[in-house]
Amino acid sequence: VLVFFPSYFALDDAVEAWKRSTVWSRLERGRTVVVEPRGSADFRTSAQTFDAAAANGSAVLLAVCRGKASEGMDFADEKCRVVIVTGLPYAPPRDPRVRAKRQFLDARKIASRKNG
């Protein structure tokens, strides 16, 4: 099972909440649960743990959209039977690149109305 979150913040928040409740213990029942680490140094170990657990039974990988696992791992055959996406990683509306893109598109729209 693969569960993708829109950010590391959302992933960490869910894991913390699940560990405070019964969700985490139920999730671990009969499965190996692997959480994608933020650091690249720890990623290889996490990927190997997930691969071994998936090959031997049941594994759950909690990862981030556009993160190391989603961009760098092959989830063929027994590694992936279910994918859950908890949210899409949209850029914040106040991000300078988002504002610049919005201004460009608005100006283009106004220009097309004048010419069309």
PDB file of N, CA and C in Angstrom:
ATOM      1  N   VAL A   1       0.851  -1.168   0.000  1.00  0.00           N
ATOM      2  CA  VAL A   1       0.000   0.000   0.000  1.00  0.00           C
ATOM      3  C   VAL A   1       0.899   1.233   0.000  1.00  0.00           C
ATOM      4  N   LEU A   2       0.596   2.177  -0.887  1.00  0.00           N
ATOM      5  CA  LEU A   2       1.313   3.444  -0.932  1.00  0.00           C
ATOM      6  C   LEU A   2       0.359   4.552  -0.530  1.00  0.00           C
ATOM      7  N   VAL A   3       0.784   5.398   0.384  1.00  0.00           N
ATOM      8  CA  VAL A   3      -0.025   6.542   0.804  1.00  0.00           C
ATOM      9  C   VAL A   3       0.825   7.787   0.585  1.00  0.00           C
ATOM     10  N   PHE A   4       0.354   8.663  -0.319  1.00  0.00           N
ATOM     11  CA  PHE A   4       1.099   9.873  -0.638  1.00  0.00           C
ATOM     12  C   PHE A   4       0.431  11.095  -0.019  1.00  0.00           C
ATOM     13  N   PHE A   5       1.252  11.956   0.554  1.00  0.00           N
ATOM     14  CA  PHE A   5       0.803  13.196   1.187  1.00  0.00           C
ATOM     15  C   PHE A   5       1.310  14.374   0.362  1.00  0.00           C
ATOM     16  N   PRO A   6       0.650  15.533   0.449  1.00  0.00           N
ATOM     17  CA  PRO A   6       1.081  16.677  -0.358  1.00  0.00           C
ATOM     18  C   PRO A   6       2.374  17.338   0.121  1.00  0.00           C
ATOM     19  N   SER A   7       2.785  17.077   1.360  1.00  0.00           N
ATOM     20  CA  SER A   7       4.005  17.696   1.896  1.00  0.00           C
ATOM     21  C   SER A   7       4.527  16.865   3.068  1.00  0.00           C
ATOM     22  N   TYR A   8       5.781  17.136   3.428  1.00  0.00           N
ATOM     23  CA  TYR A   8       6.335  16.470   4.613  1.00  0.00           C
ATOM     24  C   TYR A   8       5.599  16.920   5.873  1.00  0.00           C
ATOM     25  N   PHE A   9       5.164  18.171   5.890  1.00  0.00           N
ATOM     26  CA  PHE A   9       4.399  18.656   7.040  1.00  0.00           C
ATOM     27  C   PHE A   9       3.119  17.831   7.214  1.00  0.00           C
ATOM     28  N   ALA A  10       2.382  17.597   6.112  1.00  0.00           N
ATOM     29  CA  ALA A  10       1.142  16.817   6.186  1.00  0.00           C
ATOM     30  C   ALA A  10       1.434  15.374   6.591  1.00  0.00           C
ATOM     31  N   LEU A  11       2.514  14.808   6.074  1.00  0.00           N
ATOM     32  CA  LEU A  11       2.916  13.445   6.432  1.00  0.00           C
ATOM     33  C   LEU A  11       3.233  13.357   7.923  1.00  0.00           C
ATOM     34  N   ASP A  12       4.075  14.258   8.404  1.00  0.00           N
ATOM     35  CA  ASP A  12       4.455  14.250   9.826  1.00  0.00           C
ATOM     36  C   ASP A  12       3.245  14.458  10.725  1.00  0.00           C
ATOM     37  N   ASP A  13       2.359  15.362  10.318  1.00  0.00           N
ATOM     38  CA  ASP A  13       1.156  15.649  11.097  1.00  0.00           C
ATOM     39  C   ASP A  13       0.270  14.408  11.206  1.00  0.00           C
ATOM     40  N   ALA A  14       0.091  13.701  10.094  1.00  0.00           N
ATOM     41  CA  ALA A  14      -0.735  12.482  10.103  1.00  0.00           C
ATOM     42  C   ALA A  14      -0.103  11.394  10.968  1.00  0.00           C
ATOM     43  N   VAL A  15       1.192  11.187  10.814  1.00  0.00           N
ATOM     44  CA  VAL A  15       1.874  10.146  11.603  1.00  0.00           C
ATOM     45  C   VAL A  15       1.761  10.448  13.095  1.00  0.00           C
ATOM     46  N   GLU A  16       1.978  11.711  13.479  1.00  0.00           N
ATOM     47  CA  GLU A  16       1.856  12.085  14.892  1.00  0.00           C
ATOM     48  C   GLU A  16       0.444  11.843  15.419  1.00  0.00           C
ATOM     49  N   ALA A  17      -0.563  12.242  14.639  1.00  0.00           N
ATOM     50  CA  ALA A  17      -1.958  12.049  15.062  1.00  0.00           C
ATOM     51  C   ALA A  17      -2.289  10.564  15.152  1.00  0.00           C
ATOM     52  N   TRP A  18      -1.833   9.788  14.188  1.00  0.00           N
ATOM     53  CA  TRP A  18      -2.124   8.357  14.189  1.00  0.00           C
ATOM     54  C   TRP A  18      -1.451   7.649  15.354  1.00  0.00           C
ATOM     55  N   LYS A  19      -0.256   8.093  15.715  1.00  0.00           N
ATOM     56  CA  LYS A  19       0.451   7.469  16.841  1.00  0.00           C
ATOM     57  C   LYS A  19      -0.223   7.797  18.172  1.00  0.00           C
ATOM     58  N   ARG A  20      -0.884   8.956  18.265  1.00  0.00           N
ATOM     59  CA  ARG A  20      -1.611   9.317  19.485  1.00  0.00           C
ATOM     60  C   ARG A  20      -2.931   8.562  19.590  1.00  0.00           C
ATOM     61  N   SER A  21      -3.412   8.022  18.497  1.00  0.00           N
ATOM     62  CA  SER A  21      -4.675   7.276  18.507  1.00  0.00           C
ATOM     63  C   SER A  21      -4.378   5.797  18.267  1.00  0.00           C
ATOM     64  N   THR A  22      -5.411   5.053  17.951  1.00  0.00           N
ATOM     65  CA  THR A  22      -5.228   3.618  17.696  1.00  0.00           C
ATOM     66  C   THR A  22      -4.919   3.322  16.228  1.00  0.00           C
ATOM     67  N   VAL A  23      -4.941   4.345  15.390  1.00  0.00           N
ATOM     68  CA  VAL A  23      -4.736   4.132  13.947  1.00  0.00           C
ATOM     69  C   VAL A  23      -3.374   3.520  13.668  1.00  0.00           C
ATOM     70  N   TRP A  24      -2.331   4.043  14.313  1.00  0.00           N
ATOM     71  CA  TRP A  24      -0.977   3.562  14.036  1.00  0.00           C
ATOM     72  C   TRP A  24      -0.815   2.083  14.398  1.00  0.00           C
ATOM     73  N   SER A  25      -1.304   1.685  15.535  1.00  0.00           N
ATOM     74  CA  SER A  25      -1.174   0.275  15.933  1.00  0.00           C
ATOM     75  C   SER A  25      -1.986  -0.628  15.008  1.00  0.00           C
ATOM     76  N   ARG A  26      -3.142  -0.162  14.554  1.00  0.00           N
ATOM     77  CA  ARG A  26      -3.933  -0.951  13.604  1.00  0.00           C
ATOM     78  C   ARG A  26      -3.243  -1.029  12.246  1.00  0.00           C
ATOM     79  N   LEU A  27      -2.590   0.046  11.853  1.00  0.00           N
ATOM     80  CA  LEU A  27      -1.873   0.074  10.583  1.00  0.00           C
ATOM     81  C   LEU A  27      -0.700  -0.896  10.607  1.00  0.00           C
ATOM     82  N   GLU A  28      -0.037  -1.007  11.754  1.00  0.00           N
ATOM     83  CA  GLU A  28       1.121  -1.902  11.891  1.00  0.00           C
ATOM     84  C   GLU A  28       0.744  -3.375  12.044  1.00  0.00           C
ATOM     85  N   ARG A  29      -0.508  -3.656  12.317  1.00  0.00           N
ATOM     86  CA  ARG A  29      -0.936  -5.028  12.546  1.00  0.00           C
ATOM     87  C   ARG A  29      -0.694  -5.878  11.293  1.00  0.00           C
ATOM     88  N   GLY A  30       0.319  -6.732  11.338  1.00  0.00           N
ATOM     89  CA  GLY A  30       0.617  -7.641  10.230  1.00  0.00           C
ATOM     90  C   GLY A  30       1.317  -6.972   9.053  1.00  0.00           C
ATOM     91  N   ARG A  31       1.749  -5.731   9.238  1.00  0.00           N
ATOM     92  CA  ARG A  31       2.401  -5.003   8.151  1.00  0.00           C
ATOM     93  C   ARG A  31       3.656  -4.301   8.665  1.00  0.00           C
ATOM     94  N   THR A  32       4.543  -4.051   7.729  1.00  0.00           N
ATOM     95  CA  THR A  32       5.680  -3.186   8.019  1.00  0.00           C
ATOM     96  C   THR A  32       5.321  -1.806   7.500  1.00  0.00           C
ATOM     97  N   VAL A  33       5.381  -0.806   8.364  1.00  0.00           N
ATOM     98  CA  VAL A  33       5.069   0.566   7.968  1.00  0.00           C
ATOM     99  C   VAL A  33       6.378   1.337   7.840  1.00  0.00           C
ATOM    100  N   VAL A  34       6.581   1.927   6.668  1.00  0.00           N
ATOM    101  CA  VAL A  34       7.793   2.689   6.395  1.00  0.00           C
ATOM    102  C   VAL A  34       7.387   4.125   6.090  1.00  0.00           C
ATOM    103  N   VAL A  35       8.041   5.065   6.753  1.00  0.00           N
ATOM    104  CA  VAL A  35       7.784   6.489   6.530  1.00  0.00           C
ATOM    105  C   VAL A  35       8.964   7.060   5.751  1.00  0.00           C
ATOM    106  N   GLU A  36       8.659   7.716   4.631  1.00  0.00           N
ATOM    107  CA  GLU A  36       9.733   8.324   3.829  1.00  0.00           C
ATOM    108  C   GLU A  36      10.477   9.356   4.665  1.00  0.00           C
ATOM    109  N   PRO A  37      11.805   9.204   4.791  1.00  0.00           N
ATOM    110  CA  PRO A  37      12.569  10.178   5.575  1.00  0.00           C
ATOM    111  C   PRO A  37      12.813  11.457   4.771  1.00  0.00           C
ATOM    112  N   ARG A  38      13.024  12.540   5.466  1.00  0.00           N
ATOM    113  CA  ARG A  38      13.329  13.806   4.784  1.00  0.00           C
ATOM    114  C   ARG A  38      14.728  13.790   4.188  1.00  0.00           C
ATOM    115  N   GLY A  39      15.645  13.168   4.887  1.00  0.00           N
ATOM    116  CA  GLY A  39      17.044  13.169   4.446  1.00  0.00           C
ATOM    117  C   GLY A  39      17.348  12.095   3.425  1.00  0.00           C
ATOM    118  N   SER A  40      18.167  12.434   2.449  1.00  0.00           N
ATOM    119  CA  SER A  40      18.545  11.486   1.408  1.00  0.00           C
ATOM    120  C   SER A  40      19.386  10.340   1.956  1.00  0.00           C
ATOM    121  N   ALA A  41      20.158  10.614   2.992  1.00  0.00           N
ATOM    122  CA  ALA A  41      21.042   9.580   3.555  1.00  0.00           C
ATOM    123  C   ALA A  41      20.252   8.390   4.095  1.00  0.00           C
ATOM    124  N   ASP A  42      19.067   8.642   4.641  1.00  0.00           N
ATOM    125  CA  ASP A  42      18.259   7.575   5.234  1.00  0.00           C
ATOM    126  C   ASP A  42      17.314   6.916   4.226  1.00  0.00           C
ATOM    127  N   PHE A  43      17.198   7.498   3.042  1.00  0.00           N
ATOM    128  CA  PHE A  43      16.213   7.005   2.085  1.00  0.00           C
ATOM    129  C   PHE A  43      16.524   5.595   1.599  1.00  0.00           C
ATOM    130  N   ARG A  44      17.775   5.300   1.318  1.00  0.00           N
ATOM    131  CA  ARG A  44      18.140   3.973   0.794  1.00  0.00           C
ATOM    132  C   ARG A  44      17.715   2.869   1.772  1.00  0.00           C
ATOM    133  N   THR A  45      17.946   3.072   3.053  1.00  0.00           N
ATOM    134  CA  THR A  45      17.562   2.085   4.068  1.00  0.00           C
ATOM    135  C   THR A  45      16.051   1.914   4.105  1.00  0.00           C
ATOM    136  N   SER A  46      15.323   3.013   4.047  1.00  0.00           N
ATOM    137  CA  SER A  46      13.857   2.947   4.059  1.00  0.00           C
ATOM    138  C   SER A  46      13.331   2.223   2.825  1.00  0.00           C
ATOM    139  N   ALA A  47      13.912   2.507   1.671  1.00  0.00           N
ATOM    140  CA  ALA A  47      13.492   1.854   0.426  1.00  0.00           C
ATOM    141  C   ALA A  47      13.758   0.349   0.487  1.00  0.00           C
ATOM    142  N   GLN A  48      14.905  -0.035   1.021  1.00  0.00           N
ATOM    143  CA  GLN A  48      15.230  -1.458   1.147  1.00  0.00           C
ATOM    144  C   GLN A  48      14.290  -2.155   2.127  1.00  0.00           C
ATOM    145  N   THR A  49      13.956  -1.483   3.218  1.00  0.00           N
ATOM    146  CA  THR A  49      13.020  -2.043   4.197  1.00  0.00           C
ATOM    147  C   THR A  49      11.659  -2.265   3.561  1.00  0.00           C
ATOM    148  N   PHE A  50      11.177  -1.272   2.809  1.00  0.00           N
ATOM    149  CA  PHE A  50       9.885  -1.404   2.141  1.00  0.00           C
ATOM    150  C   PHE A  50       9.912  -2.526   1.107  1.00  0.00           C
ATOM    151  N   ASP A  51      10.959  -2.571   0.285  1.00  0.00           N
ATOM    152  CA  ASP A  51      11.074  -3.619  -0.752  1.00  0.00           C
ATOM    153  C   ASP A  51      11.040  -5.020  -0.141  1.00  0.00           C
ATOM    154  N   ALA A  52      11.798  -5.222   0.932  1.00  0.00           N
ATOM    155  CA  ALA A  52      11.857  -6.537   1.578  1.00  0.00           C
ATOM    156  C   ALA A  52      10.504  -6.900   2.184  1.00  0.00           C
ATOM    157  N   ALA A  53       9.861  -5.938   2.839  1.00  0.00           N
ATOM    158  CA  ALA A  53       8.561  -6.210   3.459  1.00  0.00           C
ATOM    159  C   ALA A  53       7.502  -6.487   2.406  1.00  0.00           C
ATOM    160  N   ALA A  54       7.523  -5.757   1.301  1.00  0.00           N
ATOM    161  CA  ALA A  54       6.544  -5.975   0.235  1.00  0.00           C
ATOM    162  C   ALA A  54       6.736  -7.342  -0.418  1.00  0.00           C
ATOM    163  N   ALA A  55       7.979  -7.765  -0.563  1.00  0.00           N
ATOM    164  CA  ALA A  55       8.259  -9.067  -1.167  1.00  0.00           C
ATOM    165  C   ALA A  55       7.852 -10.218  -0.251  1.00  0.00           C
ATOM    166  N   ASN A  56       7.885  -9.982   1.077  1.00  0.00           N
ATOM    167  CA  ASN A  56       7.585 -11.036   2.041  1.00  0.00           C
ATOM    168  C   ASN A  56       6.178 -10.989   2.611  1.00  0.00           C
ATOM    169  N   GLY A  57       5.359 -10.089   2.144  1.00  0.00           N
ATOM    170  CA  GLY A  57       4.015 -10.025   2.708  1.00  0.00           C
ATOM    171  C   GLY A  57       3.373  -8.689   2.483  1.00  0.00           C
ATOM    172  N   SER A  58       3.199  -7.966   3.555  1.00  0.00           N
ATOM    173  CA  SER A  58       2.440  -6.732   3.493  1.00  0.00           C
ATOM    174  C   SER A  58       3.274  -5.561   3.988  1.00  0.00           C
ATOM    175  N   ALA A  59       3.233  -4.468   3.200  1.00  0.00           N
ATOM    176  CA  ALA A  59       3.985  -3.280   3.575  1.00  0.00           C
ATOM    177  C   ALA A  59       3.169  -2.039   3.252  1.00  0.00           C
ATOM    178  N   VAL A  60       3.402  -0.994   4.035  1.00  0.00           N
ATOM    179  CA  VAL A  60       2.771   0.294   3.807  1.00  0.00           C
ATOM    180  C   VAL A  60       3.885   1.329   3.736  1.00  0.00           C
ATOM    181  N   LEU A  61       3.872   2.139   2.682  1.00  0.00           N
ATOM    182  CA  LEU A  61       4.833   3.218   2.548  1.00  0.00           C
ATOM    183  C   LEU A  61       4.087   4.539   2.614  1.00  0.00           C
ATOM    184  N   LEU A  62       4.453   5.357   3.585  1.00  0.00           N
ATOM    185  CA  LEU A  62       3.900   6.693   3.719  1.00  0.00           C
ATOM    186  C   LEU A  62       4.931   7.646   3.134  1.00  0.00           C
ATOM    187  N   ALA A  63       4.558   8.338   2.060  1.00  0.00           N
ATOM    188  CA  ALA A  63       5.527   9.150   1.327  1.00  0.00           C
ATOM    189  C   ALA A  63       4.908  10.475   0.899  1.00  0.00           C
ATOM    190  N   VAL A  64       5.708  11.280   0.223  1.00  0.00           N
ATOM    191  CA  VAL A  64       5.308  12.621  -0.183  1.00  0.00           C
ATOM    192  C   VAL A  64       5.243  12.705  -1.707  1.00  0.00           C
ATOM    193  N   CYS A  65       4.176  13.305  -2.218  1.00  0.00           N
ATOM    194  CA  CYS A  65       4.078  13.571  -3.655  1.00  0.00           C
ATOM    195  C   CYS A  65       5.280  14.416  -4.067  1.00  0.00           C
ATOM    196  N   ARG A  66       5.894  14.052  -5.161  1.00  0.00           N
ATOM    197  CA  ARG A  66       7.075  14.734  -5.686  1.00  0.00           C
ATOM    198  C   ARG A  66       8.282  14.593  -4.760  1.00  0.00           C
ATOM    199  N   GLY A  67       8.237  13.619  -3.854  1.00  0.00           N
ATOM    200  CA  GLY A  67       9.359  13.348  -2.968  1.00  0.00           C
ATOM    201  C   GLY A  67      10.253  12.275  -3.545  1.00  0.00           C
ATOM    202  N   LYS A  68      11.197  11.804  -2.739  1.00  0.00           N
ATOM    203  CA  LYS A  68      12.168  10.818  -3.199  1.00  0.00           C
ATOM    204  C   LYS A  68      11.507   9.501  -3.606  1.00  0.00           C
ATOM    205  N   ALA A  69      10.561   9.040  -2.827  1.00  0.00           N
ATOM    206  CA  ALA A  69       9.917   7.752  -3.117  1.00  0.00           C
ATOM    207  C   ALA A  69       9.047   7.837  -4.368  1.00  0.00           C
ATOM    208  N   SER A  70       8.259   8.892  -4.494  1.00  0.00           N
ATOM    209  CA  SER A  70       7.350   8.984  -5.638  1.00  0.00           C
ATOM    210  C   SER A  70       8.099   9.223  -6.939  1.00  0.00           C
ATOM    211  N   GLU A  71       9.257   9.838  -6.872  1.00  0.00           N
ATOM    212  CA  GLU A  71      10.017  10.143  -8.082  1.00  0.00           C
ATOM    213  C   GLU A  71      11.110   9.124  -8.377  1.00  0.00           C
ATOM    214  N   GLY A  72      11.538   8.360  -7.379  1.00  0.00           N
ATOM    215  CA  GLY A  72      12.717   7.533  -7.593  1.00  0.00           C
ATOM    216  C   GLY A  72      12.564   6.041  -7.385  1.00  0.00           C
ATOM    217  N   MET A  73      11.362   5.573  -7.062  1.00  0.00           N
ATOM    218  CA  MET A  73      11.181   4.137  -6.826  1.00  0.00           C
ATOM    219  C   MET A  73      10.250   3.530  -7.864  1.00  0.00           C
ATOM    220  N   ASP A  74      10.498   2.267  -8.189  1.00  0.00           N
ATOM    221  CA  ASP A  74       9.642   1.526  -9.103  1.00  0.00           C
ATOM    222  C   ASP A  74       8.708   0.655  -8.263  1.00  0.00           C
ATOM    223  N   PHE A  75       7.410   0.848  -8.419  1.00  0.00           N
ATOM    224  CA  PHE A  75       6.424   0.121  -7.620  1.00  0.00           C
ATOM    225  C   PHE A  75       5.707  -0.919  -8.467  1.00  0.00           C
ATOM    226  N   ALA A  76       6.449  -1.861  -8.986  1.00  0.00           N
ATOM    227  CA  ALA A  76       5.872  -2.908  -9.824  1.00  0.00           C
ATOM    228  C   ALA A  76       5.452  -4.107  -8.978  1.00  0.00           C
ATOM    229  N   ASP A  77       4.516  -4.863  -9.524  1.00  0.00           N
ATOM    230  CA  ASP A  77       4.066  -6.134  -8.961  1.00  0.00           C
ATOM    231  C   ASP A  77       3.653  -6.031  -7.496  1.00  0.00           C
ATOM    232  N   GLU A  78       4.311  -6.811  -6.603  1.00  0.00           N
ATOM    233  CA  GLU A  78       3.873  -6.893  -5.211  1.00  0.00           C
ATOM    234  C   GLU A  78       4.162  -5.620  -4.420  1.00  0.00           C
ATOM    235  N   LYS A  79       4.931  -4.714  -4.976  1.00  0.00           N
ATOM    236  CA  LYS A  79       5.254  -3.487  -4.242  1.00  0.00           C
ATOM    237  C   LYS A  79       4.083  -2.518  -4.166  1.00  0.00           C
ATOM    238  N   CYS A  80       3.134  -2.687  -5.069  1.00  0.00           N
ATOM    239  CA  CYS A  80       2.027  -1.730  -5.055  1.00  0.00           C
ATOM    240  C   CYS A  80       0.740  -2.378  -5.540  1.00  0.00           C
ATOM    241  N   ARG A  81      -0.199  -2.499  -4.658  1.00  0.00           N
ATOM    242  CA  ARG A  81      -1.534  -2.992  -4.998  1.00  0.00           C
ATOM    243  C   ARG A  81      -2.580  -1.915  -4.782  1.00  0.00           C
ATOM    244  N   VAL A  82      -2.258  -0.930  -3.933  1.00  0.00           N
ATOM    245  CA  VAL A  82      -3.187   0.154  -3.626  1.00  0.00           C
ATOM    246  C   VAL A  82      -2.395   1.457  -3.515  1.00  0.00           C
ATOM    247  N   VAL A  83      -2.925   2.528  -4.106  1.00  0.00           N
ATOM    248  CA  VAL A  83      -2.323   3.857  -3.968  1.00  0.00           C
ATOM    249  C   VAL A  83      -3.388   4.796  -3.416  1.00  0.00           C
ATOM    250  N   ILE A  84      -3.026   5.503  -2.359  1.00  0.00           N
ATOM    251  CA  ILE A  84      -3.924   6.490  -1.759  1.00  0.00           C
ATOM    252  C   ILE A  84      -3.205   7.837  -1.811  1.00  0.00           C
ATOM    253  N   VAL A  85      -3.854   8.830  -2.401  1.00  0.00           N
ATOM    254  CA  VAL A  85      -3.296  10.184  -2.452  1.00  0.00           C
ATOM    255  C   VAL A  85      -4.169  11.055  -1.558  1.00  0.00           C
ATOM    256  N   THR A  86      -3.563  11.582  -0.505  1.00  0.00           N
ATOM    257  CA  THR A  86      -4.338  12.339   0.485  1.00  0.00           C
ATOM    258  C   THR A  86      -4.535  13.794   0.093  1.00  0.00           C
ATOM    259  N   GLY A  87      -3.804  14.272  -0.873  1.00  0.00           N
ATOM    260  CA  GLY A  87      -3.924  15.657  -1.320  1.00  0.00           C
ATOM    261  C   GLY A  87      -2.869  15.957  -2.363  1.00  0.00           C
ATOM    262  N   LEU A  88      -3.129  16.969  -3.170  1.00  0.00           N
ATOM    263  CA  LEU A  88      -2.184  17.338  -4.211  1.00  0.00           C
ATOM    264  C   LEU A  88      -1.332  18.510  -3.753  1.00  0.00           C
ATOM    265  N   PRO A  89      -0.052  18.499  -4.122  1.00  0.00           N
ATOM    266  CA  PRO A  89       0.857  19.549  -3.659  1.00  0.00           C
ATOM    267  C   PRO A  89       0.767  20.821  -4.505  1.00  0.00           C
ATOM    268  N   TYR A  90      -0.171  21.678  -4.185  1.00  0.00           N
ATOM    269  CA  TYR A  90      -0.275  22.965  -4.871  1.00  0.00           C
ATOM    270  C   TYR A  90       0.678  23.964  -4.236  1.00  0.00           C
ATOM    271  N   ALA A  91       1.192  24.853  -5.069  1.00  0.00           N
ATOM    272  CA  ALA A  91       2.054  25.917  -4.548  1.00  0.00           C
ATOM    273  C   ALA A  91       1.198  26.907  -3.760  1.00  0.00           C
ATOM    274  N   PRO A  92       1.758  27.514  -2.729  1.00  0.00           N
ATOM    275  CA  PRO A  92       1.002  28.499  -1.960  1.00  0.00           C
ATOM    276  C   PRO A  92       0.608  29.685  -2.852  1.00  0.00           C
ATOM    277  N   PRO A  93      -0.603  30.206  -2.702  1.00  0.00           N
ATOM    278  CA  PRO A  93      -1.059  31.295  -3.564  1.00  0.00           C
ATOM    279  C   PRO A  93      -0.194  32.554  -3.494  1.00  0.00           C
ATOM    280  N   ARG A  94       0.492  32.753  -2.379  1.00  0.00           N
ATOM    281  CA  ARG A  94       1.323  33.949  -2.231  1.00  0.00           C
ATOM    282  C   ARG A  94       2.763  33.737  -2.703  1.00  0.00           C
ATOM    283  N   ASP A  95       3.063  32.559  -3.220  1.00  0.00           N
ATOM    284  CA  ASP A  95       4.390  32.272  -3.744  1.00  0.00           C
ATOM    285  C   ASP A  95       4.695  33.244  -4.893  1.00  0.00           C
ATOM    286  N   PRO A  96       5.887  33.847  -4.929  1.00  0.00           N
ATOM    287  CA  PRO A  96       6.205  34.816  -5.980  1.00  0.00           C
ATOM    288  C   PRO A  96       6.058  34.272  -7.402  1.00  0.00           C
ATOM    289  N   ARG A  97       6.388  33.000  -7.605  1.00  0.00           N
ATOM    290  CA  ARG A  97       6.237  32.418  -8.948  1.00  0.00           C
ATOM    291  C   ARG A  97       4.768  32.267  -9.320  1.00  0.00           C
ATOM    292  N   VAL A  98       3.939  31.916  -8.349  1.00  0.00           N
ATOM    293  CA  VAL A  98       2.503  31.787  -8.608  1.00  0.00           C
ATOM    294  C   VAL A  98       1.918  33.153  -8.930  1.00  0.00           C
ATOM    295  N   ARG A  99       2.305  34.162  -8.185  1.00  0.00           N
ATOM    296  CA  ARG A  99       1.820  35.524  -8.453  1.00  0.00           C
ATOM    297  C   ARG A  99       2.252  36.005  -9.832  1.00  0.00           C
ATOM    298  N   ALA A 100       3.509  35.763 -10.186  1.00  0.00           N
ATOM    299  CA  ALA A 100       4.012  36.182 -11.501  1.00  0.00           C
ATOM    300  C   ALA A 100       3.260  35.481 -12.624  1.00  0.00           C
ATOM    301  N   LYS A 101       3.015  34.200 -12.460  1.00  0.00           N
ATOM    302  CA  LYS A 101       2.280  33.429 -13.473  1.00  0.00           C
ATOM    303  C   LYS A 101       0.844  33.951 -13.594  1.00  0.00           C
ATOM    304  N   ARG A 102       0.209  34.232 -12.473  1.00  0.00           N
ATOM    305  CA  ARG A 102      -1.161  34.744 -12.481  1.00  0.00           C
ATOM    306  C   ARG A 102      -1.221  36.102 -13.187  1.00  0.00           C
ATOM    307  N   GLN A 103      -0.260  36.979 -12.895  1.00  0.00           N
ATOM    308  CA  GLN A 103      -0.215  38.288 -13.542  1.00  0.00           C
ATOM    309  C   GLN A 103      -0.026  38.144 -15.048  1.00  0.00           C
ATOM    310  N   PHE A 104       0.851  37.253 -15.452  1.00  0.00           N
ATOM    311  CA  PHE A 104       1.088  37.002 -16.875  1.00  0.00           C
ATOM    312  C   PHE A 104      -0.181  36.516 -17.563  1.00  0.00           C
ATOM    313  N   LEU A 105      -0.849  35.535 -16.954  1.00  0.00           N
ATOM    314  CA  LEU A 105      -2.067  34.987 -17.561  1.00  0.00           C
ATOM    315  C   LEU A 105      -3.199  36.009 -17.591  1.00  0.00           C
ATOM    316  N   ASP A 106      -3.319  36.817 -16.533  1.00  0.00           N
ATOM    317  CA  ASP A 106      -4.341  37.865 -16.516  1.00  0.00           C
ATOM    318  C   ASP A 106      -4.082  38.886 -17.627  1.00  0.00           C
ATOM    319  N   ALA A 107      -2.832  39.305 -17.788  1.00  0.00           N
ATOM    320  CA  ALA A 107      -2.481  40.271 -18.836  1.00  0.00           C
ATOM    321  C   ALA A 107      -2.741  39.679 -20.225  1.00  0.00           C
ATOM    322  N   ARG A 108      -2.440  38.417 -20.393  1.00  0.00           N
ATOM    323  CA  ARG A 108      -2.679  37.737 -21.677  1.00  0.00           C
ATOM    324  C   ARG A 108      -4.170  37.659 -21.976  1.00  0.00           C
ATOM    325  N   LYS A 109      -4.970  37.386 -20.962  1.00  0.00           N
ATOM    326  CA  LYS A 109      -6.409  37.297 -21.124  1.00  0.00           C
ATOM    327  C   LYS A 109      -6.991  38.665 -21.531  1.00  0.00           C
ATOM    328  N   ILE A 110      -6.536  39.720 -20.891  1.00  0.00           N
ATOM    329  CA  ILE A 110      -7.001  41.075 -21.213  1.00  0.00           C
ATOM    330  C   ILE A 110      -6.603  41.436 -22.646  1.00  0.00           C
ATOM    331  N   ALA A 111      -5.378  41.104 -23.019  1.00  0.00           N
ATOM    332  CA  ALA A 111      -4.913  41.401 -24.381  1.00  0.00           C
ATOM    333  C   ALA A 111      -5.711  40.633 -25.430  1.00  0.00           C
ATOM    334  N   SER A 112      -6.061  39.395 -25.137  1.00  0.00           N
ATOM    335  CA  SER A 112      -6.831  38.616 -26.114  1.00  0.00           C
ATOM    336  C   SER A 112      -8.251  39.157 -26.273  1.00  0.00           C
ATOM    337  N   ARG A 113      -8.800  39.710 -25.206  1.00  0.00           N
ATOM    338  CA  ARG A 113     -10.144  40.310 -25.280  1.00  0.00           C
ATOM    339  C   ARG A 113     -10.132  41.574 -26.148  1.00  0.00           C
ATOM    340  N   LYS A 114      -9.062  42.360 -26.030  1.00  0.00           N
ATOM    341  CA  LYS A 114      -8.939  43.587 -26.816  1.00  0.00           C
ATOM    342  C   LYS A 114      -8.746  43.290 -28.299  1.00  0.00           C
ATOM    343  N   ASN A 115      -8.025  42.197 -28.573  1.00  0.00           N
ATOM    344  CA  ASN A 115      -7.716  41.846 -29.966  1.00  0.00           C
ATOM    345  C   ASN A 115      -8.774  40.947 -30.584  1.00  0.00           C
ATOM    346  N   GLY A 116      -9.667  40.396 -29.828  1.00  0.00           N
ATOM    347  CA  GLY A 116     -10.583  39.389 -30.346  1.00  0.00           C
ATOM    348  C   GLY A 116     -11.961  39.793 -30.324  1.00  0.00           C
TER     349      GLY A 116
END
